[in-house]
Amino acid sequence: MRKIITQILFFSFVFMGIFAFTRFLMLVNLTSESQNSFMVYMYGLAHDMRTFSSAFLPLFLCGFLTYFAFIFKNKKIKFMGGGNY
């Protein structure tokens, strides 16, 4: 499960890097204003971060909750009887 969590974080950073690079290229090539381009760039990055957090947060939360699965595992065995007894 740690591999899955690291993959989610890794792909989030990779996608953020790709989107930041393409946003930079679009600002340089499509807009001639240099006065507000930094703020447009920062607002775009904030929008990308909100998009990724809404997309990957459920997966990240499920991966994080599996660390606490051992708490429920013992209770289930005691409740169910545990096998051939």
PDB file of N, CA and C in Angstrom:
ATOM      1  N   MET A   1       0.815  -1.186   0.000  1.00  0.00           N
ATOM      2  CA  MET A   1       0.000   0.000   0.000  1.00  0.00           C
ATOM      3  C   MET A   1       0.865   1.260   0.000  1.00  0.00           C
ATOM      4  N   ARG A   2       2.054   1.142   0.544  1.00  0.00           N
ATOM      5  CA  ARG A   2       2.949   2.301   0.518  1.00  0.00           C
ATOM      6  C   ARG A   2       3.349   2.653  -0.908  1.00  0.00           C
ATOM      7  N   LYS A   3       3.481   1.623  -1.751  1.00  0.00           N
ATOM      8  CA  LYS A   3       3.813   1.888  -3.149  1.00  0.00           C
ATOM      9  C   LYS A   3       2.690   2.654  -3.840  1.00  0.00           C
ATOM     10  N   ILE A   4       1.459   2.316  -3.513  1.00  0.00           N
ATOM     11  CA  ILE A   4       0.327   3.002  -4.136  1.00  0.00           C
ATOM     12  C   ILE A   4       0.286   4.458  -3.705  1.00  0.00           C
ATOM     13  N   ILE A   5       0.523   4.706  -2.424  1.00  0.00           N
ATOM     14  CA  ILE A   5       0.515   6.084  -1.940  1.00  0.00           C
ATOM     15  C   ILE A   5       1.649   6.882  -2.570  1.00  0.00           C
ATOM     16  N   THR A   6       2.836   6.272  -2.675  1.00  0.00           N
ATOM     17  CA  THR A   6       3.945   6.992  -3.306  1.00  0.00           C
ATOM     18  C   THR A   6       3.682   7.213  -4.793  1.00  0.00           C
ATOM     19  N   GLN A   7       3.015   6.269  -5.447  1.00  0.00           N
ATOM     20  CA  GLN A   7       2.672   6.476  -6.852  1.00  0.00           C
ATOM     21  C   GLN A   7       1.680   7.620  -7.022  1.00  0.00           C
ATOM     22  N   ILE A   8       0.695   7.701  -6.136  1.00  0.00           N
ATOM     23  CA  ILE A   8      -0.272   8.796  -6.213  1.00  0.00           C
ATOM     24  C   ILE A   8       0.437  10.131  -6.034  1.00  0.00           C
ATOM     25  N   LEU A   9       1.309  10.216  -5.035  1.00  0.00           N
ATOM     26  CA  LEU A   9       2.038  11.464  -4.814  1.00  0.00           C
ATOM     27  C   LEU A   9       2.975  11.780  -5.971  1.00  0.00           C
ATOM     28  N   PHE A  10       3.662  10.754  -6.489  1.00  0.00           N
ATOM     29  CA  PHE A  10       4.590  10.961  -7.599  1.00  0.00           C
ATOM     30  C   PHE A  10       3.859  11.467  -8.840  1.00  0.00           C
ATOM     31  N   PHE A  11       2.749  10.824  -9.201  1.00  0.00           N
ATOM     32  CA  PHE A  11       2.013  11.253 -10.381  1.00  0.00           C
ATOM     33  C   PHE A  11       1.385  12.628 -10.182  1.00  0.00           C
ATOM     34  N   SER A  12       1.010  12.955  -8.965  1.00  0.00           N
ATOM     35  CA  SER A  12       0.498  14.303  -8.709  1.00  0.00           C
ATOM     36  C   SER A  12       1.568  15.342  -8.992  1.00  0.00           C
ATOM     37  N   PHE A  13       2.790  15.083  -8.512  1.00  0.00           N
ATOM     38  CA  PHE A  13       3.870  16.036  -8.761  1.00  0.00           C
ATOM     39  C   PHE A  13       4.267  16.076 -10.235  1.00  0.00           C
ATOM     40  N   VAL A  14       4.225  14.928 -10.906  1.00  0.00           N
ATOM     41  CA  VAL A  14       4.543  14.909 -12.339  1.00  0.00           C
ATOM     42  C   VAL A  14       3.508  15.717 -13.124  1.00  0.00           C
ATOM     43  N   PHE A  15       2.225  15.489 -12.833  1.00  0.00           N
ATOM     44  CA  PHE A  15       1.187  16.240 -13.530  1.00  0.00           C
ATOM     45  C   PHE A  15       1.257  17.724 -13.212  1.00  0.00           C
ATOM     46  N   MET A  16       1.548  18.063 -11.970  1.00  0.00           N
ATOM     47  CA  MET A  16       1.690  19.477 -11.616  1.00  0.00           C
ATOM     48  C   MET A  16       2.854  20.107 -12.374  1.00  0.00           C
ATOM     49  N   GLY A  17       3.939  19.380 -12.529  1.00  0.00           N
ATOM     50  CA  GLY A  17       5.073  19.891 -13.286  1.00  0.00           C
ATOM     51  C   GLY A  17       4.740  20.090 -14.754  1.00  0.00           C
ATOM     52  N   ILE A  18       4.039  19.125 -15.329  1.00  0.00           N
ATOM     53  CA  ILE A  18       3.648  19.236 -16.739  1.00  0.00           C
ATOM     54  C   ILE A  18       2.702  20.414 -16.942  1.00  0.00           C
ATOM     55  N   PHE A  19       1.704  20.532 -16.063  1.00  0.00           N
ATOM     56  CA  PHE A  19       0.758  21.633 -16.200  1.00  0.00           C
ATOM     57  C   PHE A  19       1.420  22.978 -15.945  1.00  0.00           C
ATOM     58  N   ALA A  20       2.358  23.037 -15.023  1.00  0.00           N
ATOM     59  CA  ALA A  20       3.064  24.301 -14.766  1.00  0.00           C
ATOM     60  C   ALA A  20       3.897  24.700 -15.980  1.00  0.00           C
ATOM     61  N   PHE A  21       4.550  23.724 -16.600  1.00  0.00           N
ATOM     62  CA  PHE A  21       5.365  24.008 -17.783  1.00  0.00           C
ATOM     63  C   PHE A  21       4.498  24.472 -18.952  1.00  0.00           C
ATOM     64  N   THR A  22       3.380  23.787 -19.193  1.00  0.00           N
ATOM     65  CA  THR A  22       2.516  24.203 -20.301  1.00  0.00           C
ATOM     66  C   THR A  22       1.851  25.545 -20.019  1.00  0.00           C
ATOM     67  N   ARG A  23       1.519  25.809 -18.753  1.00  0.00           N
ATOM     68  CA  ARG A  23       0.944  27.116 -18.413  1.00  0.00           C
ATOM     69  C   ARG A  23       1.969  28.220 -18.651  1.00  0.00           C
ATOM     70  N   PHE A  24       3.230  27.947 -18.325  1.00  0.00           N
ATOM     71  CA  PHE A  24       4.288  28.921 -18.576  1.00  0.00           C
ATOM     72  C   PHE A  24       4.446  29.177 -20.072  1.00  0.00           C
ATOM     73  N   LEU A  25       4.441  28.109 -20.874  1.00  0.00           N
ATOM     74  CA  LEU A  25       4.557  28.288 -22.322  1.00  0.00           C
ATOM     75  C   LEU A  25       3.369  29.056 -22.897  1.00  0.00           C
ATOM     76  N   MET A  26       2.175  28.781 -22.389  1.00  0.00           N
ATOM     77  CA  MET A  26       1.009  29.523 -22.879  1.00  0.00           C
ATOM     78  C   MET A  26       1.088  30.997 -22.506  1.00  0.00           C
ATOM     79  N   LEU A  27       1.542  31.295 -21.297  1.00  0.00           N
ATOM     80  CA  LEU A  27       1.655  32.697 -20.900  1.00  0.00           C
ATOM     81  C   LEU A  27       2.692  33.437 -21.726  1.00  0.00           C
ATOM     82  N   VAL A  28       3.783  32.772 -22.035  1.00  0.00           N
ATOM     83  CA  VAL A  28       4.839  33.426 -22.810  1.00  0.00           C
ATOM     84  C   VAL A  28       4.399  33.641 -24.253  1.00  0.00           C
ATOM     85  N   ASN A  29       3.744  32.647 -24.836  1.00  0.00           N
ATOM     86  CA  ASN A  29       3.429  32.719 -26.262  1.00  0.00           C
ATOM     87  C   ASN A  29       2.099  33.395 -26.578  1.00  0.00           C
ATOM     88  N   LEU A  30       1.128  33.329 -25.683  1.00  0.00           N
ATOM     89  CA  LEU A  30      -0.202  33.822 -26.021  1.00  0.00           C
ATOM     90  C   LEU A  30      -0.518  35.200 -25.458  1.00  0.00           C
ATOM     91  N   THR A  31       0.145  35.602 -24.400  1.00  0.00           N
ATOM     92  CA  THR A  31      -0.152  36.915 -23.821  1.00  0.00           C
ATOM     93  C   THR A  31       1.052  37.819 -23.973  1.00  0.00           C
ATOM     94  N   SER A  32       0.768  39.057 -24.254  1.00  0.00           N
ATOM     95  CA  SER A  32       1.862  40.019 -24.372  1.00  0.00           C
ATOM     96  C   SER A  32       2.007  40.846 -23.098  1.00  0.00           C
ATOM     97  N   GLU A  33       1.081  40.685 -22.156  1.00  0.00           N
ATOM     98  CA  GLU A  33       1.174  41.419 -20.895  1.00  0.00           C
ATOM     99  C   GLU A  33       2.201  40.758 -19.990  1.00  0.00           C
ATOM    100  N   SER A  34       3.120  41.518 -19.515  1.00  0.00           N
ATOM    101  CA  SER A  34       4.070  40.981 -18.550  1.00  0.00           C
ATOM    102  C   SER A  34       3.765  41.483 -17.148  1.00  0.00           C
ATOM    103  N   GLN A  35       2.778  42.373 -17.053  1.00  0.00           N
ATOM    104  CA  GLN A  35       2.475  42.981 -15.767  1.00  0.00           C
ATOM    105  C   GLN A  35       1.707  42.019 -14.855  1.00  0.00           C
ATOM    106  N   ASN A  36       0.703  41.342 -15.358  1.00  0.00           N
ATOM    107  CA  ASN A  36      -0.126  40.460 -14.544  1.00  0.00           C
ATOM    108  C   ASN A  36       0.124  38.986 -14.818  1.00  0.00           C
ATOM    109  N   SER A  37       1.129  38.665 -15.574  1.00  0.00           N
ATOM    110  CA  SER A  37       1.323  37.273 -15.960  1.00  0.00           C
ATOM    111  C   SER A  37       1.721  36.395 -14.781  1.00  0.00           C
ATOM    112  N   PHE A  38       2.443  36.934 -13.815  1.00  0.00           N
ATOM    113  CA  PHE A  38       2.830  36.124 -12.655  1.00  0.00           C
ATOM    114  C   PHE A  38       1.608  35.728 -11.833  1.00  0.00           C
ATOM    115  N   MET A  39       0.686  36.657 -11.644  1.00  0.00           N
ATOM    116  CA  MET A  39      -0.517  36.336 -10.870  1.00  0.00           C
ATOM    117  C   MET A  39      -1.411  35.354 -11.615  1.00  0.00           C
ATOM    118  N   VAL A  40      -1.498  35.487 -12.929  1.00  0.00           N
ATOM    119  CA  VAL A  40      -2.261  34.529 -13.723  1.00  0.00           C
ATOM    120  C   VAL A  40      -1.639  33.145 -13.593  1.00  0.00           C
ATOM    121  N   TYR A  41      -0.318  33.088 -13.616  1.00  0.00           N
ATOM    122  CA  TYR A  41       0.398  31.824 -13.461  1.00  0.00           C
ATOM    123  C   TYR A  41       0.116  31.205 -12.092  1.00  0.00           C
ATOM    124  N   MET A  42       0.146  32.006 -11.033  1.00  0.00           N
ATOM    125  CA  MET A  42      -0.087  31.492  -9.679  1.00  0.00           C
ATOM    126  C   MET A  42      -1.538  31.054  -9.489  1.00  0.00           C
ATOM    127  N   TYR A  43      -2.491  31.798 -10.029  1.00  0.00           N
ATOM    128  CA  TYR A  43      -3.896  31.394  -9.935  1.00  0.00           C
ATOM    129  C   TYR A  43      -4.139  30.091 -10.694  1.00  0.00           C
ATOM    130  N   GLY A  44      -3.474  29.932 -11.810  1.00  0.00           N
ATOM    131  CA  GLY A  44      -3.598  28.683 -12.567  1.00  0.00           C
ATOM    132  C   GLY A  44      -3.032  27.502 -11.811  1.00  0.00           C
ATOM    133  N   LEU A  45      -1.899  27.702 -11.137  1.00  0.00           N
ATOM    134  CA  LEU A  45      -1.339  26.614 -10.331  1.00  0.00           C
ATOM    135  C   LEU A  45      -2.259  26.256  -9.169  1.00  0.00           C
ATOM    136  N   ALA A  46      -2.872  27.256  -8.559  1.00  0.00           N
ATOM    137  CA  ALA A  46      -3.814  26.976  -7.471  1.00  0.00           C
ATOM    138  C   ALA A  46      -5.019  26.198  -7.986  1.00  0.00           C
ATOM    139  N   HIS A  47      -5.478  26.532  -9.179  1.00  0.00           N
ATOM    140  CA  HIS A  47      -6.594  25.792  -9.768  1.00  0.00           C
ATOM    141  C   HIS A  47      -6.193  24.349 -10.057  1.00  0.00           C
ATOM    142  N   ASP A  48      -4.988  24.136 -10.566  1.00  0.00           N
ATOM    143  CA  ASP A  48      -4.516  22.777 -10.815  1.00  0.00           C
ATOM    144  C   ASP A  48      -4.398  21.985  -9.517  1.00  0.00           C
ATOM    145  N   MET A  49      -3.938  22.620  -8.452  1.00  0.00           N
ATOM    146  CA  MET A  49      -3.818  21.923  -7.172  1.00  0.00           C
ATOM    147  C   MET A  49      -5.191  21.525  -6.637  1.00  0.00           C
ATOM    148  N   ARG A  50      -6.189  22.371  -6.803  1.00  0.00           N
ATOM    149  CA  ARG A  50      -7.544  22.012  -6.371  1.00  0.00           C
ATOM    150  C   ARG A  50      -8.083  20.845  -7.188  1.00  0.00           C
ATOM    151  N   THR A  51      -7.791  20.844  -8.488  1.00  0.00           N
ATOM    152  CA  THR A  51      -8.247  19.746  -9.336  1.00  0.00           C
ATOM    153  C   THR A  51      -7.614  18.431  -8.912  1.00  0.00           C
ATOM    154  N   PHE A  52      -6.308  18.435  -8.673  1.00  0.00           N
ATOM    155  CA  PHE A  52      -5.638  17.200  -8.270  1.00  0.00           C
ATOM    156  C   PHE A  52      -6.052  16.748  -6.886  1.00  0.00           C
ATOM    157  N   SER A  53      -6.269  17.677  -5.993  1.00  0.00           N
ATOM    158  CA  SER A  53      -6.666  17.259  -4.651  1.00  0.00           C
ATOM    159  C   SER A  53      -8.059  16.652  -4.664  1.00  0.00           C
ATOM    160  N   SER A  54      -8.952  17.162  -5.490  1.00  0.00           N
ATOM    161  CA  SER A  54     -10.280  16.547  -5.562  1.00  0.00           C
ATOM    162  C   SER A  54     -10.243  15.212  -6.292  1.00  0.00           C
ATOM    163  N   ALA A  55      -9.285  15.024  -7.194  1.00  0.00           N
ATOM    164  CA  ALA A  55      -9.197  13.762  -7.925  1.00  0.00           C
ATOM    165  C   ALA A  55      -8.477  12.682  -7.125  1.00  0.00           C
ATOM    166  N   PHE A  56      -7.379  13.037  -6.469  1.00  0.00           N
ATOM    167  CA  PHE A  56      -6.561  12.033  -5.808  1.00  0.00           C
ATOM    168  C   PHE A  56      -6.805  11.902  -4.313  1.00  0.00           C
ATOM    169  N   LEU A  57      -7.549  12.799  -3.706  1.00  0.00           N
ATOM    170  CA  LEU A  57      -7.765  12.722  -2.267  1.00  0.00           C
ATOM    171  C   LEU A  57      -8.513  11.464  -1.836  1.00  0.00           C
ATOM    172  N   PRO A  58      -9.555  11.010  -2.542  1.00  0.00           N
ATOM    173  CA  PRO A  58     -10.183   9.750  -2.117  1.00  0.00           C
ATOM    174  C   PRO A  58      -9.238   8.556  -2.179  1.00  0.00           C
ATOM    175  N   LEU A  59      -8.416   8.486  -3.217  1.00  0.00           N
ATOM    176  CA  LEU A  59      -7.448   7.386  -3.295  1.00  0.00           C
ATOM    177  C   LEU A  59      -6.406   7.483  -2.194  1.00  0.00           C
ATOM    178  N   PHE A  60      -5.939   8.680  -1.937  1.00  0.00           N
ATOM    179  CA  PHE A  60      -4.943   8.883  -0.889  1.00  0.00           C
ATOM    180  C   PHE A  60      -5.527   8.562   0.483  1.00  0.00           C
ATOM    181  N   LEU A  61      -6.772   8.920   0.701  1.00  0.00           N
ATOM    182  CA  LEU A  61      -7.426   8.639   1.975  1.00  0.00           C
ATOM    183  C   LEU A  61      -7.631   7.140   2.173  1.00  0.00           C
ATOM    184  N   CYS A  62      -8.033   6.432   1.123  1.00  0.00           N
ATOM    185  CA  CYS A  62      -8.182   4.973   1.231  1.00  0.00           C
ATOM    186  C   CYS A  62      -6.845   4.303   1.499  1.00  0.00           C
ATOM    187  N   GLY A  63      -5.802   4.769   0.855  1.00  0.00           N
ATOM    188  CA  GLY A  63      -4.479   4.216   1.115  1.00  0.00           C
ATOM    189  C   GLY A  63      -4.007   4.500   2.518  1.00  0.00           C
ATOM    190  N   PHE A  64      -4.314   5.679   3.028  1.00  0.00           N
ATOM    191  CA  PHE A  64      -3.914   6.023   4.390  1.00  0.00           C
ATOM    192  C   PHE A  64      -4.690   5.216   5.422  1.00  0.00           C
ATOM    193  N   LEU A  65      -5.963   4.953   5.151  1.00  0.00           N
ATOM    194  CA  LEU A  65      -6.775   4.189   6.101  1.00  0.00           C
ATOM    195  C   LEU A  65      -6.387   2.717   6.160  1.00  0.00           C
ATOM    196  N   THR A  66      -5.716   2.211   5.138  1.00  0.00           N
ATOM    197  CA  THR A  66      -5.279   0.815   5.198  1.00  0.00           C
ATOM    198  C   THR A  66      -4.176   0.606   6.220  1.00  0.00           C
ATOM    199  N   TYR A  67      -3.512   1.672   6.631  1.00  0.00           N
ATOM    200  CA  TYR A  67      -2.522   1.533   7.694  1.00  0.00           C
ATOM    201  C   TYR A  67      -3.176   1.148   9.015  1.00  0.00           C
ATOM    202  N   PHE A  68      -4.444   1.469   9.175  1.00  0.00           N
ATOM    203  CA  PHE A  68      -5.150   1.170  10.411  1.00  0.00           C
ATOM    204  C   PHE A  68      -6.042  -0.057  10.286  1.00  0.00           C
ATOM    205  N   ALA A  69      -5.861  -0.870   9.255  1.00  0.00           N
ATOM    206  CA  ALA A  69      -6.697  -2.051   9.051  1.00  0.00           C
ATOM    207  C   ALA A  69      -6.443  -3.113  10.113  1.00  0.00           C
ATOM    208  N   PHE A  70      -5.275  -3.116  10.724  1.00  0.00           N
ATOM    209  CA  PHE A  70      -4.980  -4.132  11.731  1.00  0.00           C
ATOM    210  C   PHE A  70      -5.879  -3.990  12.958  1.00  0.00           C
ATOM    211  N   ILE A  71      -6.421  -2.833  13.209  1.00  0.00           N
ATOM    212  CA  ILE A  71      -7.321  -2.630  14.349  1.00  0.00           C
ATOM    213  C   ILE A  71      -8.605  -3.427  14.149  1.00  0.00           C
ATOM    214  N   PHE A  72      -9.123  -3.414  12.933  1.00  0.00           N
ATOM    215  CA  PHE A  72     -10.377  -4.105  12.653  1.00  0.00           C
ATOM    216  C   PHE A  72     -10.163  -5.585  12.374  1.00  0.00           C
ATOM    217  N   LYS A  73      -8.957  -5.974  12.017  1.00  0.00           N
ATOM    218  CA  LYS A  73      -8.681  -7.357  11.665  1.00  0.00           C
ATOM    219  C   LYS A  73      -8.841  -8.273  12.873  1.00  0.00           C
ATOM    220  N   ASN A  74      -8.293  -7.924  14.006  1.00  0.00           N
ATOM    221  CA  ASN A  74      -8.384  -8.763  15.192  1.00  0.00           C
ATOM    222  C   ASN A  74      -9.811  -8.838  15.711  1.00  0.00           C
ATOM    223  N   LYS A  75     -10.540  -7.763  15.664  1.00  0.00           N
ATOM    224  CA  LYS A  75     -11.917  -7.770  16.139  1.00  0.00           C
ATOM    225  C   LYS A  75     -12.796  -8.643  15.259  1.00  0.00           C
ATOM    226  N   LYS A  76     -12.536  -8.666  13.971  1.00  0.00           N
ATOM    227  CA  LYS A  76     -13.330  -9.482  13.069  1.00  0.00           C
ATOM    228  C   LYS A  76     -13.096 -10.962  13.335  1.00  0.00           C
ATOM    229  N   ILE A  77     -11.861 -11.336  13.618  1.00  0.00           N
ATOM    230  CA  ILE A  77     -11.565 -12.739  13.896  1.00  0.00           C
ATOM    231  C   ILE A  77     -12.244 -13.176  15.188  1.00  0.00           C
ATOM    232  N   LYS A  78     -12.227 -12.366  16.204  1.00  0.00           N
ATOM    233  CA  LYS A  78     -12.878 -12.711  17.467  1.00  0.00           C
ATOM    234  C   LYS A  78     -14.392 -12.771  17.303  1.00  0.00           C
ATOM    235  N   PHE A  79     -14.929 -11.893  16.483  1.00  0.00           N
ATOM    236  CA  PHE A  79     -16.377 -11.853  16.300  1.00  0.00           C
ATOM    237  C   PHE A  79     -16.858 -13.028  15.461  1.00  0.00           C
ATOM    238  N   MET A  80     -16.116 -13.383  14.421  1.00  0.00           N
ATOM    239  CA  MET A  80     -16.549 -14.426  13.501  1.00  0.00           C
ATOM    240  C   MET A  80     -16.236 -15.828  14.018  1.00  0.00           C
ATOM    241  N   GLY A  81     -15.370 -15.982  14.954  1.00  0.00           N
ATOM    242  CA  GLY A  81     -15.065 -17.309  15.471  1.00  0.00           C
ATOM    243  C   GLY A  81     -13.691 -17.781  15.075  1.00  0.00           C
ATOM    244  N   GLY A  82     -13.152 -17.344  13.983  1.00  0.00           N
ATOM    245  CA  GLY A  82     -11.771 -17.604  13.629  1.00  0.00           C
ATOM    246  C   GLY A  82     -11.468 -18.895  12.908  1.00  0.00           C
ATOM    247  N   GLY A  83     -12.408 -19.693  12.467  1.00  0.00           N
ATOM    248  CA  GLY A  83     -12.073 -20.861  11.655  1.00  0.00           C
ATOM    249  C   GLY A  83     -12.555 -22.169  12.250  1.00  0.00           C
ATOM    250  N   ASN A  84     -11.698 -23.210  12.232  1.00  0.00           N
ATOM    251  CA  ASN A  84     -12.078 -24.573  12.636  1.00  0.00           C
ATOM    252  C   ASN A  84     -11.897 -24.787  14.128  1.00  0.00           C
ATOM    253  N   TYR A  85     -12.686 -24.186  14.930  1.00  0.00           N
ATOM    254  CA  TYR A  85     -12.564 -24.376  16.380  1.00  0.00           C
ATOM    255  C   TYR A  85     -13.707 -25.202  16.881  1.00  0.00           C
TER     256      TYR A  85
END
